[in-house]
Structures are given as structure tokens and as C-alpha cells.
Protein backbone atom coordinates (compact mmCIF):
# COMPACT_ATOMS: atom_id res chain seq x y z
CA MET A 1 -8.40 -18.29 15.09
CA ARG A 2 -11.40 -15.98 16.16
CA ILE A 3 -13.76 -14.18 13.81
CA THR A 4 -16.19 -11.72 15.39
CA LYS A 5 -18.77 -9.79 13.38
CA PHE A 6 -19.51 -6.01 13.92
CA GLY A 7 -21.72 -3.52 12.25
CA HIS A 8 -22.20 -3.96 8.46
CA SER A 9 -18.69 -4.87 7.05
CA CYS A 10 -16.70 -4.67 10.04
CA VAL A 11 -14.95 -7.94 11.29
CA ARG A 12 -12.25 -8.69 13.94
CA VAL A 13 -9.84 -11.50 13.18
CA GLU A 14 -7.85 -12.70 16.07
CA HIS A 15 -5.13 -15.27 15.86
CA ASP A 16 -1.96 -16.02 18.10
CA GLY A 17 -2.60 -12.96 20.27
CA ALA A 18 -2.88 -10.38 17.39
CA THR A 19 -6.04 -8.64 16.45
CA ILE A 20 -6.86 -7.03 13.18
CA VAL A 21 -10.08 -4.84 12.44
CA LEU A 22 -11.27 -4.52 8.94
CA ASP A 23 -13.53 -1.74 7.71
CA PRO A 24 -14.93 -0.08 10.78
CA GLY A 25 -17.35 2.50 9.20
CA VAL A 26 -20.31 4.52 10.30
CA PHE A 27 -22.53 1.35 11.01
CA THR A 28 -19.83 0.19 13.34
CA ASP A 29 -19.73 0.81 17.01
CA ARG A 30 -16.45 2.40 18.21
CA SER A 31 -15.99 -0.59 20.57
CA ALA A 32 -15.08 -2.83 17.75
CA LEU A 33 -11.62 -1.35 17.74
CA ASP A 34 -10.97 -2.11 21.43
CA GLY A 35 -7.88 -4.01 21.76
CA ALA A 36 -7.11 -3.93 18.07
CA ASP A 37 -3.39 -4.07 16.90
CA ALA A 38 -3.96 -3.09 13.42
CA VAL A 39 -6.72 -1.86 10.95
CA LEU A 40 -7.24 -2.64 7.35
CA ILE A 41 -9.63 -0.56 5.19
CA THR A 42 -10.78 -1.80 1.68
CA HIS A 43 -12.06 1.54 0.29
CA GLU A 44 -13.10 5.08 1.06
CA HIS A 45 -16.88 4.90 1.45
CA PRO A 46 -18.08 5.88 4.91
CA ASP A 47 -19.55 2.58 5.64
CA HIS A 48 -16.09 1.25 5.59
CA TYR A 49 -13.96 4.29 6.55
CA LEU A 50 -14.75 6.61 9.51
CA PRO A 51 -11.83 8.96 10.30
CA ASP A 52 -12.94 9.32 13.88
CA HIS A 53 -12.56 5.53 14.46
CA LEU A 54 -9.09 5.46 13.22
CA ALA A 55 -8.29 8.64 15.35
CA SER A 56 -9.52 6.85 18.38
CA VAL A 57 -6.74 4.25 18.52
CA ASP A 58 -3.04 4.43 18.19
CA VAL A 59 -2.44 1.51 15.90
CA PRO A 60 -0.96 0.97 12.33
CA VAL A 61 -3.51 1.29 9.49
CA PHE A 62 -2.96 -0.47 6.20
CA THR A 63 -4.96 0.49 3.05
CA ILE A 64 -4.80 1.56 -0.63
CA ASP A 65 -3.53 4.79 -2.06
CA ALA A 66 -6.96 6.44 -2.40
CA VAL A 67 -7.94 5.96 1.07
CA ALA A 68 -4.54 6.82 2.52
CA ALA A 69 -4.80 10.13 0.52
CA LYS A 70 -8.28 10.73 2.40
CA ILE A 71 -6.64 9.71 5.87
CA ARG A 72 -3.90 12.39 5.30
CA ALA A 73 -6.56 15.00 4.58
CA ASP A 74 -9.18 14.00 7.27
CA VAL A 75 -6.83 13.00 10.13
CA PRO A 76 -3.11 13.90 9.23
CA GLU A 77 -1.91 12.10 12.59
CA VAL A 78 -3.37 8.99 11.53
CA GLY A 79 -1.62 9.38 7.97
CA GLU A 80 1.69 9.12 9.84
CA ARG A 81 1.00 5.48 10.80
CA THR A 82 -0.57 4.52 7.55
CA THR A 83 0.95 2.00 5.28
CA VAL A 84 -0.13 2.08 1.59
CA VAL A 85 -0.62 -1.25 -0.29
CA ALA A 86 -1.35 -2.03 -3.76
CA PRO A 87 -3.41 -4.85 -5.56
CA GLY A 88 -1.44 -8.06 -5.51
CA ASP A 89 1.01 -7.05 -2.72
CA SER A 90 1.63 -9.63 0.01
CA PHE A 91 2.60 -8.21 3.21
CA GLU A 92 2.57 -8.85 7.02
CA VAL A 93 0.32 -7.28 9.53
CA VAL A 94 1.09 -7.78 13.26
CA GLY A 95 2.48 -11.30 12.24
CA ILE A 96 -0.39 -12.30 10.09
CA PRO A 97 0.27 -12.56 6.26
CA VAL A 98 -2.06 -10.52 4.11
CA ARG A 99 -2.52 -10.27 0.37
CA ALA A 100 -4.40 -7.40 -1.26
CA VAL A 101 -6.90 -8.47 -3.86
CA GLY A 102 -8.46 -6.47 -6.66
CA GLU A 103 -8.59 -2.91 -7.48
CA LEU A 104 -11.91 -1.50 -8.35
CA HIS A 105 -15.29 -1.29 -6.35
CA ALA A 106 -18.22 -2.90 -8.10
CA VAL A 107 -20.21 -0.78 -10.57
CA ILE A 108 -22.72 1.11 -8.73
CA HIS A 109 -24.04 2.98 -11.95
CA PRO A 110 -22.58 3.16 -15.34
CA GLU A 111 -22.68 7.01 -15.13
CA LEU A 112 -20.78 7.13 -11.61
CA PRO A 113 -16.90 7.02 -11.43
CA ARG A 114 -15.45 3.74 -10.32
CA PHE A 115 -13.80 3.76 -6.86
CA HIS A 116 -10.75 2.05 -5.87
CA ASN A 117 -11.14 -1.15 -3.61
CA SER A 118 -8.98 -3.89 -2.70
CA GLY A 119 -10.04 -6.98 -0.67
CA TYR A 120 -7.58 -8.84 1.63
CA VAL A 121 -6.81 -12.44 2.12
CA LEU A 122 -5.61 -13.07 5.70
CA THR A 123 -3.63 -16.17 6.44
CA ALA A 124 -4.19 -17.16 10.25
CA GLY A 125 -2.25 -20.24 10.87
CA THR A 126 -3.69 -22.95 8.50
CA GLU A 127 -6.88 -20.98 7.69
CA LYS A 128 -7.55 -18.31 5.18
CA VAL A 129 -10.16 -15.42 5.33
CA PHE A 130 -11.28 -13.37 2.55
CA HIS A 131 -12.85 -9.91 2.96
CA PRO A 132 -13.64 -8.51 -0.49
CA GLY A 133 -14.81 -5.05 0.41
CA ASP A 134 -17.38 -3.71 -2.11
CA ALA A 135 -16.35 -5.94 -5.09
CA LEU A 136 -17.15 -9.39 -6.43
CA THR A 137 -13.64 -10.11 -7.26
CA GLY A 138 -12.43 -13.52 -6.27
CA PRO A 139 -9.29 -14.21 -4.18
CA GLY A 140 -7.73 -16.38 -6.90
CA GLU A 141 -6.88 -19.12 -4.36
CA ALA A 142 -8.79 -21.50 -1.96
CA VAL A 143 -10.02 -19.73 1.22
CA ASP A 144 -11.68 -21.28 4.13
CA VAL A 145 -13.87 -18.29 5.13
CA LEU A 146 -15.43 -15.79 2.78
CA LEU A 147 -16.78 -12.63 4.29
CA ALA A 148 -19.69 -12.60 1.85
CA PRO A 149 -21.63 -9.15 0.84
CA VAL A 150 -25.44 -10.04 1.02
CA CYS A 151 -27.13 -6.66 0.24
CA ALA A 152 -25.84 -3.53 -1.52
CA PRO A 153 -26.91 -0.87 -4.11
CA TRP A 154 -24.30 -2.26 -6.29
CA MET A 155 -25.44 -5.92 -6.05
CA ARG A 156 -28.41 -8.24 -6.75
CA VAL A 157 -28.78 -11.27 -4.17
CA SER A 158 -28.31 -13.45 -7.15
CA GLU A 159 -24.89 -11.92 -7.75
CA GLY A 160 -23.88 -12.56 -4.07
CA VAL A 161 -24.91 -16.15 -4.36
CA ASP A 162 -22.92 -16.70 -7.50
CA PHE A 163 -19.90 -14.89 -6.12
CA ALA A 164 -19.96 -16.95 -2.97
CA ARG A 165 -20.49 -20.19 -5.00
CA SER A 166 -17.47 -19.13 -7.23
CA VAL A 167 -15.15 -18.59 -4.33
CA GLY A 168 -16.21 -21.90 -2.87
CA ALA A 169 -15.22 -21.18 0.72
CA PRO A 170 -16.55 -23.95 3.01
CA ARG A 171 -17.82 -21.32 5.35
CA ASN A 172 -19.60 -18.02 4.46
CA VAL A 173 -20.21 -15.21 6.94
CA ALA A 174 -22.58 -12.43 5.94
CA ILE A 175 -21.41 -8.84 5.86
CA HIS A 176 -22.59 -5.63 4.10
CA ASP A 177 -25.92 -6.15 5.79
CA ARG A 178 -27.19 -2.92 6.90
CA VAL A 179 -28.80 -1.90 3.59
CA PHE A 180 -31.92 -4.37 3.86
CA SER A 181 -34.71 -4.28 6.35
CA ASP A 182 -35.06 -7.46 8.50
CA ALA A 183 -37.52 -8.74 6.14
CA GLY A 184 -35.27 -8.27 3.12
CA LEU A 185 -32.45 -9.87 5.11
CA GLY A 186 -34.69 -12.85 5.75
CA ILE A 187 -35.03 -13.30 2.05
CA ALA A 188 -31.53 -12.98 1.25
CA ASP A 189 -30.50 -15.41 3.98
CA THR A 190 -32.95 -17.97 2.81
CA GLN A 191 -31.48 -17.67 -0.60
CA MET A 192 -27.75 -17.71 0.29
CA THR A 193 -28.39 -20.91 2.48
CA THR A 194 -30.39 -22.60 -0.04
CA PHE A 195 -28.13 -22.23 -2.87
CA LEU A 196 -24.88 -22.49 -0.99
CA SER A 197 -26.05 -25.55 0.78
CA LYS A 198 -26.29 -27.43 -2.52
CA GLN A 199 -22.51 -27.10 -2.91
CA GLY A 200 -21.90 -28.21 0.79
CA LEU A 201 -21.05 -24.69 1.77
CA SER A 202 -22.28 -23.19 5.04
CA TYR A 203 -23.73 -19.63 5.40
CA VAL A 204 -24.46 -17.58 8.65
CA ARG A 205 -25.21 -14.12 9.35
CA LEU A 206 -24.00 -13.10 12.87
CA ALA A 207 -25.35 -10.46 15.19
CA ASP A 208 -22.97 -7.70 16.17
CA GLY A 209 -20.47 -8.90 18.54
CA ASP A 210 -21.03 -12.67 17.80
CA ASP A 211 -18.21 -14.80 16.78
CA LEU A 212 -18.02 -17.46 14.07
CA ALA A 213 -18.49 -20.85 16.05
């Protein structure tokens, strides 16, 4: 399995000749989709969903109903190759087993409506990778790699630390990292590393285009 980090929350997972791209949004360069066989979208916010990116490649898209509705309105031609999945569904994407996890985006503010959000557990051979989207909803099973949100308007760093510790993945890769400055990310990285290492868990924030070694 190969995991490559792209802008913000976009990650490529490659296994056994198949390539899945998750959440290519406005902070992600279009090149992240080069060679993709399928795309997964967790929710409708533009830092995770960009219609132009989906229209630029002729591959199947898997996502929840709320996003599928936007796709049909924004890029109808993509809607024709979009499969709707629901929380708890298990399905296969280009030969890789996937399970949808959770139903709602984290609370941004009590006066704002809740958005729908489903994360995904991908099983690549003997290893499991979990992308939670914009939620701190655990996968409900052991995973090998957590794509861990580190900064967001809806999350304190301490919540990110506690979420990663509760999931307990041996390897944690930072995502959702375009909100802080470099100085702020340095603080977040220090805290994540300090607290996760106490449980024997590793943490890394990859530059765009870098692979998880």
C-alpha cells in the first residue's frame, strides 16, 4: 500500500494497481487526480469537494447523498458516474473494500445547521486506513493508519489529540492542515507528537506529494 498526502485533506491510497483519491478540494492541486481510478468525497464543503476537479477525470465517484445532490446540480455529467453510499455501508471501490463511517460533520457553531459527513475505512490488503472527513467519529474497529485532522474552525488541538488517542492507530498522518499558519502548525505538531508518543503511536505531517514511508 502507498499513501500520498496532497493539499489539506486530500490523500491518495494506492494498492494492488488501484488508486483512490479522497477529498480533492480547493486547497488541492488538480494533479492529485492524475492516474486516479476512483474518488471518495466525505462531505460538501469546498475544501473537500471541488466540482471542477471531479469533472476533469472520467472515473467513478463515491459519496453520500448530500454531496451527490450537489454534484448533480454542479456537474450533471459527473452525477451519472456517482454512486451514493450511506453511513455503515460496506462496498468495494476498484477492488478495495470500503466502509462508510458516521453521519454528521462536527459542530462548527451551535447556531449553524449540521452538515452530513461520512468518513471511510479502506482495507488495502492487510492494512486499514481511516479518513474521518470533518468529524471526530471513530471507525469502530482497529485501523493501522489514521488520517488525523489537526486544525479546523470546529476543533481544538486537544480534541484532535484525544480523537487520535481514542482511535489508537499505530500511525497517524496529519490532514486538514491549511487553516493554521506554519507557526500554529508547529505547535499542533508538537502537541500531537508529545501526547501520541506516550501511547507508542507515531505522528507525521507530510508535505504535499510526499508518501508515508
